[in-house]
Protein backbone atom coordinates (compact mmCIF):
# COMPACT_ATOMS: atom_id res chain seq x y z
CA UNK A 1 0.85 5.06 5.84
CA UNK A 2 -1.64 7.13 7.73
CA UNK A 3 -4.78 8.57 6.18
CA UNK A 4 -3.38 12.10 6.34
CA UNK A 5 -0.43 11.01 4.21
CA UNK A 6 -2.75 9.58 1.57
CA UNK A 7 -4.78 12.78 1.53
CA UNK A 8 -1.57 14.76 1.13
CA UNK A 9 -0.74 12.75 -2.01
CA UNK A 10 -4.14 13.48 -3.51
CA UNK A 11 -3.59 17.22 -2.93
CA UNK A 12 -0.53 16.96 -5.17
CA UNK A 13 -2.76 15.56 -7.92
CA UNK A 14 -1.05 12.18 -7.71
CA UNK A 15 -2.94 8.99 -8.40
CA UNK A 16 -3.31 7.08 -5.13
CA UNK A 17 -4.17 3.39 -5.33
CA UNK A 18 -4.63 1.17 -2.30
CA UNK A 19 -3.73 -2.46 -2.95
CA UNK A 20 -4.40 -4.96 -0.20
CA UNK A 21 -3.63 -8.59 0.25
CA UNK A 22 -5.98 -11.15 1.69
CA UNK A 23 -5.66 -10.13 5.34
CA UNK A 24 -8.48 -7.56 5.04
CA UNK A 25 -11.91 -7.85 3.44
CA UNK A 26 -12.68 -5.84 0.31
CA UNK A 27 -15.28 -3.97 2.36
CA UNK A 28 -12.66 -2.87 4.91
CA UNK A 29 -10.17 -1.85 2.22
CA UNK A 30 -12.84 0.14 0.35
CA UNK A 31 -13.88 1.95 3.54
CA UNK A 32 -10.27 2.93 4.25
CA UNK A 33 -9.75 4.00 0.64
CA UNK A 34 -12.83 6.21 0.76
CA UNK A 35 -11.56 7.95 3.91
CA UNK A 36 -8.12 8.36 2.36
CA UNK A 37 -9.43 9.79 -0.90
CA UNK A 38 -7.91 6.97 -2.93
CA UNK A 39 -8.49 6.96 -6.68
CA UNK A 40 -8.64 3.20 -7.00
CA UNK A 41 -8.77 0.05 -4.86
CA UNK A 42 -7.47 -3.44 -5.57
CA UNK A 43 -8.35 -5.83 -2.75
CA UNK A 44 -7.61 -9.50 -2.13
CA UNK A 45 -4.36 -9.42 -4.14
CA UNK A 46 -1.59 -12.00 -3.94
CA UNK A 47 1.98 -10.65 -4.21
CA UNK A 48 2.25 -11.74 -7.85
CA UNK A 49 -1.12 -10.08 -8.63
CA UNK A 50 0.34 -6.69 -7.73
CA UNK A 51 2.99 -6.70 -10.47
CA UNK A 52 0.76 -6.28 -13.54
CA UNK A 53 -1.02 -3.08 -12.40
CA UNK A 54 2.32 -1.47 -11.53
CA UNK A 55 3.81 -2.47 -14.89
CA UNK A 56 0.86 -0.80 -16.64
CA UNK A 57 1.11 2.33 -14.49
CA UNK A 58 4.83 2.57 -15.26
CA UNK A 59 4.01 2.65 -18.96
CA UNK A 60 1.34 5.30 -18.43
CA UNK A 61 2.97 7.54 -15.80
CA UNK A 62 6.71 6.75 -16.23
CA UNK A 63 7.30 6.83 -12.45
CA UNK A 64 5.56 4.76 -9.79
CA UNK A 65 6.19 4.69 -6.05
CA UNK A 66 5.26 1.63 -3.98
CA UNK A 67 4.91 1.90 -0.20
CA UNK A 68 4.37 -1.35 1.65
CA UNK A 69 5.62 -3.74 4.28
CA UNK A 70 8.34 -5.07 1.99
CA UNK A 71 7.15 -8.66 2.26
CA UNK A 72 4.11 -9.23 0.06
CA UNK A 73 4.93 -6.03 -1.81
CA UNK A 74 8.44 -7.09 -2.83
CA UNK A 75 7.50 -8.12 -6.41
CA UNK A 76 5.81 -4.75 -7.05
CA UNK A 77 8.66 -2.87 -5.38
CA UNK A 78 11.13 -4.64 -7.66
CA UNK A 79 9.65 -3.00 -10.76
CA UNK A 80 8.70 0.36 -9.23
CA UNK A 81 10.66 3.57 -9.74
CA UNK A 82 10.81 3.93 -5.96
CA UNK A 83 10.03 1.25 -3.37
CA UNK A 84 9.59 2.15 0.29
CA UNK A 85 9.54 -0.82 2.64
CA UNK A 86 8.07 -0.12 6.05
CA UNK A 87 9.18 -3.50 7.41
CA UNK A 88 12.15 -1.94 9.21
CA UNK A 89 9.65 0.13 11.18
CA UNK A 90 7.28 -2.77 11.77
CA UNK A 91 9.74 -5.32 13.15
CA UNK A 92 10.48 -3.50 16.44
CA UNK A 93 6.78 -2.77 16.91
CA UNK A 94 5.81 -6.39 16.30
CA UNK A 95 8.43 -7.64 18.72
CA UNK A 96 7.13 -5.33 21.44
CA UNK A 97 3.40 -5.66 20.76
CA UNK A 98 2.52 -8.39 18.25
CA UNK A 99 -1.20 -7.87 18.81
CA UNK A 100 -0.97 -4.44 17.12
CA UNK A 101 0.44 -5.69 13.82
CA UNK A 102 -2.70 -5.19 11.70
CA UNK A 103 -3.56 -1.81 13.21
CA UNK A 104 0.01 -0.60 12.73
CA UNK A 105 0.16 -1.86 9.16
CA UNK A 106 -2.95 0.10 8.28
CA UNK A 107 -1.57 3.26 9.87
CA UNK A 108 -3.90 3.55 12.86
């Protein structure tokens, strides 16, 4: 997702949480979250680490949407109300320009 899309979610008074795996440092993830207006950041998460926060948010908010690459995010997407996997968009890009994978994943 791009930063503008995150900011759009915050305008709707939706809670926006950025959860990152181990491919980016906590410092990088926090900097991106600050620019995006994120409410919360969870960095350095393994796929199985992402399930518990989403389970708790489902209890609190009733509906939770997960947007991710569809790989590491699959366990969280499995319990979410809505799961949006961007992997179908990433595969053609990675095949054409593999060196852009991290930049594309972060929405830049």
